[in-house]
N, C-alpha and C. Protein backbone atom coordinates (compact mmCIF):
# COMPACT_ATOMS: atom_id res chain seq x y z
N MET A 1 -34.31 97.11 53.67
CA MET A 1 -34.89 95.81 53.38
C MET A 1 -34.57 95.39 51.94
N ILE A 2 -34.82 96.27 50.98
CA ILE A 2 -34.55 95.94 49.57
C ILE A 2 -33.06 95.78 49.35
N LEU A 3 -32.24 96.62 50.00
CA LEU A 3 -30.79 96.50 49.86
C LEU A 3 -30.29 95.18 50.43
N ASN A 4 -30.91 94.71 51.51
CA ASN A 4 -30.52 93.42 52.07
C ASN A 4 -30.82 92.29 51.09
N LEU A 5 -32.00 92.35 50.47
CA LEU A 5 -32.35 91.33 49.48
C LEU A 5 -31.41 91.36 48.28
N LEU A 6 -31.09 92.58 47.81
CA LEU A 6 -30.18 92.71 46.67
C LEU A 6 -28.80 92.17 47.00
N SER A 7 -28.30 92.50 48.17
CA SER A 7 -26.97 92.02 48.54
C SER A 7 -26.98 90.51 48.76
N LYS A 8 -28.09 89.97 49.27
CA LYS A 8 -28.19 88.54 49.51
C LYS A 8 -28.22 87.75 48.20
N TYR A 9 -28.90 88.27 47.19
CA TYR A 9 -29.06 87.58 45.90
C TYR A 9 -28.22 88.22 44.79
N ASN A 10 -27.17 88.93 45.17
CA ASN A 10 -26.34 89.65 44.20
C ASN A 10 -25.75 88.69 43.15
N ASN A 11 -25.19 87.57 43.58
CA ASN A 11 -24.57 86.62 42.63
C ASN A 11 -25.60 86.03 41.69
N GLU A 12 -26.79 85.71 42.21
CA GLU A 12 -27.84 85.14 41.37
C GLU A 12 -28.33 86.14 40.33
N ILE A 13 -28.44 87.39 40.73
CA ILE A 13 -28.89 88.44 39.79
C ILE A 13 -27.85 88.63 38.69
N ILE A 14 -26.58 88.66 39.07
CA ILE A 14 -25.52 88.83 38.07
C ILE A 14 -25.51 87.63 37.12
N GLU A 15 -25.65 86.44 37.67
CA GLU A 15 -25.68 85.23 36.84
C GLU A 15 -26.85 85.27 35.86
N LEU A 16 -28.01 85.64 36.34
CA LEU A 16 -29.19 85.70 35.48
C LEU A 16 -29.01 86.74 34.36
N VAL A 17 -28.47 87.90 34.70
CA VAL A 17 -28.23 88.93 33.69
C VAL A 17 -27.23 88.44 32.65
N LEU A 18 -26.17 87.77 33.11
CA LEU A 18 -25.18 87.25 32.17
C LEU A 18 -25.78 86.20 31.23
N VAL A 19 -26.60 85.32 31.77
CA VAL A 19 -27.24 84.30 30.95
C VAL A 19 -28.16 84.95 29.92
N ILE A 20 -28.92 85.93 30.32
CA ILE A 20 -29.82 86.63 29.40
C ILE A 20 -29.02 87.33 28.30
N VAL A 21 -27.91 87.96 28.67
CA VAL A 21 -27.08 88.64 27.67
C VAL A 21 -26.48 87.63 26.68
N VAL A 22 -26.00 86.49 27.18
CA VAL A 22 -25.42 85.47 26.31
C VAL A 22 -26.48 84.92 25.36
N VAL A 23 -27.69 84.66 25.88
CA VAL A 23 -28.78 84.16 25.03
C VAL A 23 -29.12 85.20 23.96
N PHE A 24 -29.22 86.47 24.36
CA PHE A 24 -29.54 87.54 23.40
C PHE A 24 -28.48 87.63 22.31
N ILE A 25 -27.20 87.59 22.70
CA ILE A 25 -26.11 87.66 21.71
C ILE A 25 -26.14 86.43 20.81
N SER A 26 -26.39 85.26 21.39
CA SER A 26 -26.47 84.03 20.60
C SER A 26 -27.59 84.11 19.58
N PHE A 27 -28.75 84.63 19.97
CA PHE A 27 -29.86 84.78 19.04
C PHE A 27 -29.49 85.73 17.90
N LYS A 28 -28.79 86.82 18.23
CA LYS A 28 -28.34 87.75 17.19
C LYS A 28 -27.38 87.06 16.22
N LEU A 29 -26.45 86.27 16.75
CA LEU A 29 -25.49 85.55 15.90
C LEU A 29 -26.20 84.53 15.02
N ILE A 30 -27.20 83.84 15.56
CA ILE A 30 -27.97 82.88 14.77
C ILE A 30 -28.69 83.60 13.64
N ARG A 31 -29.27 84.75 13.93
CA ARG A 31 -29.97 85.53 12.91
C ARG A 31 -29.00 85.96 11.80
N ILE A 32 -27.80 86.42 12.19
CA ILE A 32 -26.79 86.84 11.21
C ILE A 32 -26.34 85.64 10.38
N PHE A 33 -26.09 84.50 11.05
CA PHE A 33 -25.68 83.27 10.36
C PHE A 33 -26.73 82.86 9.33
N ASN A 34 -28.00 82.84 9.72
CA ASN A 34 -29.07 82.45 8.80
C ASN A 34 -29.19 83.41 7.63
N LYS A 35 -29.04 84.70 7.91
CA LYS A 35 -29.14 85.70 6.84
C LYS A 35 -28.01 85.52 5.83
N ASN A 36 -26.77 85.32 6.33
CA ASN A 36 -25.63 85.11 5.43
C ASN A 36 -25.78 83.81 4.63
N LEU A 37 -26.23 82.76 5.30
CA LEU A 37 -26.43 81.48 4.61
C LEU A 37 -27.49 81.62 3.53
N LYS A 38 -28.58 82.30 3.85
CA LYS A 38 -29.65 82.52 2.88
C LYS A 38 -29.13 83.28 1.66
N ASN A 39 -28.34 84.33 1.90
CA ASN A 39 -27.79 85.11 0.79
C ASN A 39 -26.86 84.27 -0.08
N LYS A 40 -26.03 83.42 0.56
CA LYS A 40 -25.13 82.56 -0.22
C LYS A 40 -25.90 81.56 -1.06
N ILE A 41 -26.96 81.01 -0.49
CA ILE A 41 -27.78 80.05 -1.24
C ILE A 41 -28.45 80.72 -2.42
N LEU A 42 -28.97 81.93 -2.21
CA LEU A 42 -29.64 82.65 -3.29
C LEU A 42 -28.67 83.03 -4.40
N LEU A 43 -27.40 83.31 -4.06
CA LEU A 43 -26.42 83.66 -5.08
C LEU A 43 -25.98 82.45 -5.89
N LYS A 44 -25.90 81.27 -5.25
CA LYS A 44 -25.38 80.08 -5.92
C LYS A 44 -26.43 79.31 -6.69
N GLN A 45 -27.69 79.33 -6.23
CA GLN A 45 -28.69 78.46 -6.82
C GLN A 45 -29.94 79.23 -7.19
N SER A 46 -30.53 78.78 -8.27
CA SER A 46 -31.86 79.31 -8.58
C SER A 46 -32.92 78.47 -7.88
N ASP A 47 -32.57 77.20 -7.58
CA ASP A 47 -33.48 76.31 -6.85
C ASP A 47 -33.32 76.59 -5.36
N THR A 48 -34.33 77.15 -4.75
CA THR A 48 -34.22 77.57 -3.36
C THR A 48 -35.10 76.73 -2.44
N THR A 49 -35.25 75.46 -2.75
CA THR A 49 -36.04 74.57 -1.91
C THR A 49 -35.48 74.50 -0.50
N ILE A 50 -34.17 74.55 -0.40
CA ILE A 50 -33.53 74.44 0.91
C ILE A 50 -33.90 75.62 1.81
N LEU A 51 -34.30 76.73 1.23
CA LEU A 51 -34.70 77.89 2.04
C LEU A 51 -35.92 77.58 2.90
N GLY A 52 -36.71 76.61 2.50
CA GLY A 52 -37.85 76.21 3.31
C GLY A 52 -37.44 75.60 4.63
N PHE A 53 -36.21 75.11 4.71
CA PHE A 53 -35.70 74.52 5.94
C PHE A 53 -35.03 75.54 6.86
N MET A 54 -34.80 76.73 6.38
CA MET A 54 -34.13 77.75 7.19
C MET A 54 -34.88 78.06 8.50
N PRO A 55 -36.20 78.22 8.48
CA PRO A 55 -36.88 78.46 9.76
C PRO A 55 -36.71 77.30 10.75
N LEU A 56 -36.67 76.08 10.25
CA LEU A 56 -36.47 74.92 11.12
C LEU A 56 -35.08 74.96 11.74
N ILE A 57 -34.07 75.25 10.95
CA ILE A 57 -32.71 75.35 11.46
C ILE A 57 -32.62 76.46 12.50
N ASP A 58 -33.25 77.59 12.21
CA ASP A 58 -33.26 78.72 13.14
C ASP A 58 -33.88 78.32 14.49
N LYS A 59 -35.02 77.66 14.44
CA LYS A 59 -35.69 77.25 15.69
C LYS A 59 -34.87 76.23 16.45
N LEU A 60 -34.29 75.26 15.74
CA LEU A 60 -33.48 74.24 16.42
C LEU A 60 -32.27 74.86 17.12
N LEU A 61 -31.62 75.81 16.46
CA LEU A 61 -30.47 76.47 17.08
C LEU A 61 -30.89 77.28 18.31
N LYS A 62 -32.00 77.99 18.20
CA LYS A 62 -32.47 78.79 19.34
C LYS A 62 -32.91 77.92 20.51
N ILE A 63 -33.58 76.81 20.22
CA ILE A 63 -33.98 75.89 21.28
C ILE A 63 -32.75 75.31 21.97
N THR A 64 -31.72 75.00 21.20
CA THR A 64 -30.48 74.48 21.77
C THR A 64 -29.84 75.50 22.70
N VAL A 65 -29.81 76.76 22.28
CA VAL A 65 -29.23 77.83 23.11
C VAL A 65 -30.03 77.97 24.42
N ILE A 66 -31.34 77.96 24.31
CA ILE A 66 -32.17 78.09 25.52
C ILE A 66 -31.97 76.89 26.44
N PHE A 67 -31.92 75.69 25.88
CA PHE A 67 -31.69 74.49 26.69
C PHE A 67 -30.35 74.57 27.41
N LEU A 68 -29.30 74.99 26.71
CA LEU A 68 -27.98 75.11 27.33
C LEU A 68 -27.98 76.17 28.42
N ALA A 69 -28.69 77.27 28.21
CA ALA A 69 -28.76 78.33 29.23
C ALA A 69 -29.47 77.83 30.48
N ILE A 70 -30.58 77.14 30.30
CA ILE A 70 -31.32 76.61 31.44
C ILE A 70 -30.50 75.55 32.16
N ALA A 71 -29.84 74.68 31.40
CA ALA A 71 -29.00 73.64 32.00
C ALA A 71 -27.86 74.25 32.81
N THR A 72 -27.26 75.32 32.28
CA THR A 72 -26.17 75.99 33.00
C THR A 72 -26.65 76.58 34.32
N VAL A 73 -27.77 77.26 34.29
CA VAL A 73 -28.32 77.86 35.52
C VAL A 73 -28.66 76.77 36.53
N LEU A 74 -29.31 75.72 36.09
CA LEU A 74 -29.67 74.64 37.00
C LEU A 74 -28.44 73.94 37.57
N GLN A 75 -27.43 73.71 36.75
CA GLN A 75 -26.20 73.08 37.22
C GLN A 75 -25.51 73.95 38.27
N ASN A 76 -25.51 75.26 38.07
CA ASN A 76 -24.89 76.17 39.03
C ASN A 76 -25.64 76.23 40.36
N HIS A 77 -26.88 75.82 40.36
CA HIS A 77 -27.68 75.85 41.59
C HIS A 77 -27.85 74.47 42.21
N GLY A 78 -27.02 73.52 41.79
CA GLY A 78 -26.96 72.24 42.44
C GLY A 78 -27.88 71.15 41.91
N TYR A 79 -28.58 71.40 40.81
CA TYR A 79 -29.44 70.37 40.24
C TYR A 79 -28.62 69.46 39.33
N SER A 80 -28.99 68.21 39.29
CA SER A 80 -28.28 67.23 38.45
C SER A 80 -28.76 67.33 37.01
N ILE A 81 -27.86 67.71 36.15
CA ILE A 81 -28.19 67.86 34.73
C ILE A 81 -28.30 66.50 34.05
N THR A 82 -27.56 65.51 34.55
CA THR A 82 -27.63 64.18 33.92
C THR A 82 -29.03 63.60 34.02
N SER A 83 -29.69 63.82 35.17
CA SER A 83 -31.06 63.31 35.28
C SER A 83 -32.01 64.11 34.39
N LEU A 84 -31.74 65.40 34.22
CA LEU A 84 -32.56 66.23 33.32
C LEU A 84 -32.40 65.75 31.88
N ILE A 85 -31.16 65.50 31.49
CA ILE A 85 -30.91 65.04 30.12
C ILE A 85 -31.52 63.65 29.90
N ALA A 86 -31.40 62.77 30.91
CA ALA A 86 -32.01 61.45 30.81
C ALA A 86 -33.53 61.57 30.66
N GLY A 87 -34.14 62.49 31.41
CA GLY A 87 -35.58 62.72 31.29
C GLY A 87 -35.97 63.20 29.91
N PHE A 88 -35.16 64.12 29.35
CA PHE A 88 -35.43 64.59 27.99
C PHE A 88 -35.24 63.46 26.98
N GLY A 89 -34.24 62.60 27.24
CA GLY A 89 -34.01 61.47 26.34
C GLY A 89 -35.18 60.51 26.31
N ILE A 90 -35.70 60.20 27.49
CA ILE A 90 -36.86 59.30 27.56
C ILE A 90 -38.08 59.95 26.92
N THR A 91 -38.27 61.24 27.19
CA THR A 91 -39.39 61.96 26.57
C THR A 91 -39.23 62.00 25.05
N GLY A 92 -38.00 62.26 24.59
CA GLY A 92 -37.74 62.29 23.15
C GLY A 92 -38.00 60.95 22.50
N LEU A 93 -37.64 59.89 23.20
CA LEU A 93 -37.89 58.55 22.69
C LEU A 93 -39.39 58.28 22.55
N ALA A 94 -40.14 58.66 23.57
CA ALA A 94 -41.60 58.47 23.53
C ALA A 94 -42.23 59.29 22.41
N VAL A 95 -41.80 60.53 22.28
CA VAL A 95 -42.33 61.39 21.22
C VAL A 95 -41.93 60.84 19.85
N GLY A 96 -40.70 60.33 19.77
CA GLY A 96 -40.22 59.76 18.50
C GLY A 96 -41.06 58.59 18.04
N PHE A 97 -41.42 57.71 18.98
CA PHE A 97 -42.29 56.59 18.61
C PHE A 97 -43.67 57.08 18.19
N GLY A 98 -44.17 58.09 18.87
CA GLY A 98 -45.50 58.61 18.55
C GLY A 98 -45.53 59.38 17.24
N ALA A 99 -44.42 59.99 16.89
CA ALA A 99 -44.37 60.83 15.69
C ALA A 99 -43.51 60.19 14.61
N LYS A 100 -43.52 58.87 14.55
CA LYS A 100 -42.67 58.13 13.61
C LYS A 100 -42.89 58.58 12.16
N GLU A 101 -44.13 58.70 11.75
CA GLU A 101 -44.43 59.10 10.37
C GLU A 101 -43.94 60.52 10.07
N THR A 102 -44.17 61.42 11.01
CA THR A 102 -43.73 62.81 10.81
C THR A 102 -42.22 62.88 10.71
N ILE A 103 -41.53 62.16 11.57
CA ILE A 103 -40.07 62.16 11.54
C ILE A 103 -39.57 61.55 10.24
N SER A 104 -40.20 60.48 9.77
CA SER A 104 -39.77 59.88 8.51
C SER A 104 -40.03 60.82 7.34
N ASN A 105 -41.09 61.63 7.42
CA ASN A 105 -41.34 62.62 6.37
C ASN A 105 -40.25 63.69 6.35
N VAL A 106 -39.82 64.14 7.53
CA VAL A 106 -38.76 65.16 7.61
C VAL A 106 -37.46 64.60 7.05
N PHE A 107 -37.10 63.37 7.45
CA PHE A 107 -35.88 62.77 6.90
C PHE A 107 -36.02 62.51 5.40
N GLY A 108 -37.23 62.17 4.95
CA GLY A 108 -37.48 62.02 3.52
C GLY A 108 -37.25 63.34 2.79
N SER A 109 -37.65 64.44 3.42
CA SER A 109 -37.43 65.77 2.83
C SER A 109 -35.95 66.06 2.68
N PHE A 110 -35.18 65.73 3.73
CA PHE A 110 -33.73 65.96 3.66
C PHE A 110 -33.09 65.11 2.56
N SER A 111 -33.53 63.87 2.42
CA SER A 111 -32.95 63.03 1.37
C SER A 111 -33.35 63.54 -0.02
N LEU A 112 -34.56 64.04 -0.17
CA LEU A 112 -34.97 64.61 -1.46
C LEU A 112 -34.12 65.84 -1.80
N LEU A 113 -33.84 66.66 -0.79
CA LEU A 113 -33.00 67.82 -1.03
C LEU A 113 -31.57 67.40 -1.39
N ALA A 114 -31.07 66.42 -0.68
CA ALA A 114 -29.70 65.97 -0.94
C ALA A 114 -29.58 65.35 -2.33
N ASP A 115 -30.58 64.58 -2.74
CA ASP A 115 -30.56 63.94 -4.05
C ASP A 115 -30.86 64.90 -5.19
N LYS A 116 -31.51 66.02 -4.88
CA LYS A 116 -31.97 66.97 -5.91
C LYS A 116 -32.78 66.22 -6.97
N ALA A 117 -33.70 65.37 -6.49
CA ALA A 117 -34.50 64.54 -7.38
C ALA A 117 -35.38 65.38 -8.29
N TYR A 118 -35.92 66.45 -7.77
CA TYR A 118 -36.77 67.34 -8.56
C TYR A 118 -36.87 68.68 -7.87
N LYS A 119 -37.40 69.64 -8.63
CA LYS A 119 -37.62 70.98 -8.08
C LYS A 119 -39.00 71.45 -8.52
N ILE A 120 -39.43 72.54 -7.98
CA ILE A 120 -40.74 73.09 -8.33
C ILE A 120 -40.77 73.38 -9.83
N GLY A 121 -41.83 72.92 -10.49
CA GLY A 121 -41.98 73.11 -11.92
C GLY A 121 -41.60 71.89 -12.75
N ASP A 122 -40.92 70.91 -12.14
CA ASP A 122 -40.54 69.69 -12.86
C ASP A 122 -41.74 68.78 -13.04
N TYR A 123 -41.71 68.03 -14.13
CA TYR A 123 -42.73 67.00 -14.37
C TYR A 123 -42.14 65.68 -13.90
N VAL A 124 -42.81 65.04 -12.93
CA VAL A 124 -42.28 63.82 -12.33
C VAL A 124 -43.30 62.69 -12.40
N VAL A 125 -42.77 61.46 -12.40
CA VAL A 125 -43.58 60.26 -12.28
C VAL A 125 -43.00 59.48 -11.10
N ILE A 126 -43.85 59.19 -10.12
CA ILE A 126 -43.41 58.48 -8.93
C ILE A 126 -44.11 57.13 -8.92
N ASN A 127 -43.36 56.07 -8.63
CA ASN A 127 -43.90 54.72 -8.76
C ASN A 127 -44.89 54.33 -7.66
N GLN A 128 -45.32 55.23 -6.84
CA GLN A 128 -46.30 54.93 -5.79
C GLN A 128 -47.70 55.05 -6.41
N ALA A 129 -48.44 53.98 -6.39
CA ALA A 129 -49.73 53.94 -7.07
C ALA A 129 -50.85 54.51 -6.21
N ILE A 130 -51.66 55.34 -6.83
CA ILE A 130 -52.91 55.82 -6.24
C ILE A 130 -53.99 55.40 -7.20
N GLN A 131 -54.90 54.59 -6.74
CA GLN A 131 -55.96 54.01 -7.57
C GLN A 131 -55.36 53.33 -8.81
N ASP A 132 -54.36 52.51 -8.58
CA ASP A 132 -53.68 51.70 -9.60
C ASP A 132 -52.99 52.52 -10.68
N LYS A 133 -52.66 53.75 -10.41
CA LYS A 133 -51.92 54.58 -11.36
C LYS A 133 -50.72 55.20 -10.64
N ALA A 134 -49.62 55.37 -11.36
CA ALA A 134 -48.46 56.04 -10.80
C ALA A 134 -48.81 57.51 -10.57
N VAL A 135 -48.19 58.09 -9.57
CA VAL A 135 -48.38 59.52 -9.31
C VAL A 135 -47.53 60.28 -10.31
N GLU A 136 -48.17 61.14 -11.07
CA GLU A 136 -47.41 61.94 -12.03
C GLU A 136 -48.05 63.30 -12.19
N GLY A 137 -47.18 64.27 -12.48
CA GLY A 137 -47.65 65.62 -12.68
C GLY A 137 -46.52 66.62 -12.45
N ILE A 138 -46.91 67.87 -12.31
CA ILE A 138 -45.94 68.96 -12.14
C ILE A 138 -45.82 69.28 -10.66
N VAL A 139 -44.58 69.34 -10.17
CA VAL A 139 -44.33 69.65 -8.76
C VAL A 139 -44.67 71.11 -8.51
N GLU A 140 -45.60 71.34 -7.56
CA GLU A 140 -46.00 72.71 -7.22
C GLU A 140 -45.38 73.21 -5.93
N ASP A 141 -45.11 72.30 -4.99
CA ASP A 141 -44.58 72.73 -3.70
C ASP A 141 -43.87 71.56 -3.04
N ILE A 142 -42.77 71.87 -2.36
CA ILE A 142 -42.04 70.88 -1.58
C ILE A 142 -41.86 71.47 -0.19
N ASN A 143 -42.38 70.80 0.83
CA ASN A 143 -42.18 71.28 2.19
C ASN A 143 -41.68 70.14 3.07
N LEU A 144 -41.64 70.37 4.36
CA LEU A 144 -41.06 69.37 5.27
C LEU A 144 -41.85 68.07 5.30
N ARG A 145 -43.15 68.13 5.14
CA ARG A 145 -43.97 66.94 5.28
C ARG A 145 -44.29 66.26 3.96
N SER A 146 -44.51 67.06 2.92
CA SER A 146 -45.04 66.47 1.70
C SER A 146 -44.60 67.25 0.46
N THR A 147 -44.89 66.62 -0.68
CA THR A 147 -44.69 67.26 -1.98
C THR A 147 -46.06 67.36 -2.64
N LYS A 148 -46.37 68.55 -3.16
CA LYS A 148 -47.65 68.75 -3.85
C LYS A 148 -47.40 68.67 -5.35
N ILE A 149 -48.17 67.78 -5.99
CA ILE A 149 -48.03 67.53 -7.42
C ILE A 149 -49.37 67.78 -8.08
N ARG A 150 -49.37 68.58 -9.15
CA ARG A 150 -50.58 68.85 -9.92
C ARG A 150 -50.66 67.80 -11.03
N ALA A 151 -51.67 66.93 -10.95
CA ALA A 151 -51.85 65.85 -11.92
C ALA A 151 -52.35 66.41 -13.24
N LEU A 152 -52.29 65.58 -14.28
CA LEU A 152 -52.73 66.01 -15.61
C LEU A 152 -54.20 66.37 -15.65
N ASP A 153 -55.01 65.72 -14.80
CA ASP A 153 -56.44 66.04 -14.77
C ASP A 153 -56.76 67.26 -13.92
N GLY A 154 -55.72 67.93 -13.39
CA GLY A 154 -55.91 69.14 -12.60
C GLY A 154 -56.00 68.90 -11.10
N ALA A 155 -56.06 67.65 -10.68
CA ALA A 155 -56.15 67.34 -9.25
C ALA A 155 -54.82 67.61 -8.57
N LEU A 156 -54.90 68.05 -7.32
CA LEU A 156 -53.70 68.30 -6.53
C LEU A 156 -53.43 67.06 -5.67
N LEU A 157 -52.28 66.44 -5.90
CA LEU A 157 -51.89 65.26 -5.14
C LEU A 157 -50.87 65.68 -4.09
N ILE A 158 -51.12 65.31 -2.85
CA ILE A 158 -50.20 65.62 -1.76
C ILE A 158 -49.59 64.30 -1.31
N VAL A 159 -48.31 64.13 -1.62
CA VAL A 159 -47.62 62.86 -1.37
C VAL A 159 -46.63 63.07 -0.22
N PRO A 160 -46.74 62.27 0.85
CA PRO A 160 -45.77 62.38 1.95
C PRO A 160 -44.35 62.13 1.44
N ASN A 161 -43.39 62.91 1.95
CA ASN A 161 -42.03 62.83 1.45
C ASN A 161 -41.34 61.50 1.76
N ASN A 162 -41.75 60.81 2.84
CA ASN A 162 -41.12 59.52 3.10
C ASN A 162 -41.49 58.51 2.01
N ILE A 163 -42.68 58.61 1.45
CA ILE A 163 -43.09 57.72 0.36
C ILE A 163 -42.31 58.05 -0.91
N VAL A 164 -42.16 59.34 -1.18
CA VAL A 164 -41.41 59.76 -2.37
C VAL A 164 -39.95 59.35 -2.24
N ALA A 165 -39.37 59.56 -1.05
CA ALA A 165 -37.96 59.23 -0.84
C ALA A 165 -37.70 57.74 -0.95
N ASN A 166 -38.68 56.91 -0.63
CA ASN A 166 -38.52 55.46 -0.71
C ASN A 166 -38.96 54.89 -2.06
N GLY A 167 -39.47 55.73 -2.93
CA GLY A 167 -39.94 55.27 -4.23
C GLY A 167 -38.95 55.61 -5.33
N VAL A 168 -39.33 55.22 -6.53
CA VAL A 168 -38.54 55.54 -7.72
C VAL A 168 -39.16 56.78 -8.35
N VAL A 169 -38.34 57.81 -8.55
CA VAL A 169 -38.83 59.06 -9.12
C VAL A 169 -38.24 59.22 -10.51
N LYS A 170 -39.12 59.38 -11.48
CA LYS A 170 -38.70 59.66 -12.86
C LYS A 170 -38.97 61.13 -13.12
N ASN A 171 -37.91 61.90 -13.31
CA ASN A 171 -38.03 63.33 -13.55
C ASN A 171 -37.83 63.56 -15.04
N THR A 172 -38.93 63.74 -15.76
CA THR A 172 -38.83 63.92 -17.21
C THR A 172 -38.34 65.31 -17.57
N SER A 173 -38.43 66.25 -16.65
CA SER A 173 -37.94 67.61 -16.92
C SER A 173 -36.43 67.66 -16.98
N GLN A 174 -35.75 66.73 -16.30
CA GLN A 174 -34.29 66.73 -16.28
C GLN A 174 -33.69 65.74 -17.26
N SER A 175 -34.53 65.10 -18.08
CA SER A 175 -33.99 64.13 -19.02
C SER A 175 -33.31 64.86 -20.17
N THR A 176 -32.27 64.21 -20.68
CA THR A 176 -31.53 64.78 -21.82
C THR A 176 -31.64 63.80 -22.97
N ASN A 177 -31.59 64.33 -24.16
CA ASN A 177 -31.68 63.51 -25.35
C ASN A 177 -30.25 63.23 -25.82
N SER A 178 -29.81 61.97 -25.62
CA SER A 178 -28.44 61.62 -26.00
C SER A 178 -28.34 61.17 -27.45
N HIS A 179 -29.47 60.99 -28.12
CA HIS A 179 -29.47 60.57 -29.52
C HIS A 179 -29.74 61.77 -30.42
N GLU A 180 -28.82 62.05 -31.28
CA GLU A 180 -29.00 63.15 -32.24
C GLU A 180 -29.54 62.57 -33.53
N ASN A 181 -30.51 63.23 -34.12
CA ASN A 181 -31.07 62.76 -35.39
C ASN A 181 -30.43 63.42 -36.55
């Protein structure tokens, strides 16, 4: 009885094992890639803000591998992948509208990293007013959603990155004195 079942589903079992092996190897390669990238970043820069994005990149790559594995198995068993992708597209669109602020914060984070506007420990002034005053202080943390700034009065200001990315940032820590006395 068991041998009949095994022989009947032999191709499916082999396919499933192959998919699992490919996913496992892909995850190992992603881990090696991230480790090498992290080491290169640490060797080249003392500013390691970009390392905060490494877990996000890792998860996105792994989710992509899993999606491709599932799509491959479903395609091999006669399911239409185009309708699956269309369903994910519609779902992604709905989630995108619902998470507009979060998505704009993530893109704001990427633009801040690309511009290298400031780093942890810099003294910054941002033209976004809170209680009729510009946001200013020492940058304590930069993450995907926000930047934490310690104000002169000791208060911790948490500013969403989309606001910072769309504002004017004055970084007094990076200013140079071009006038010699």
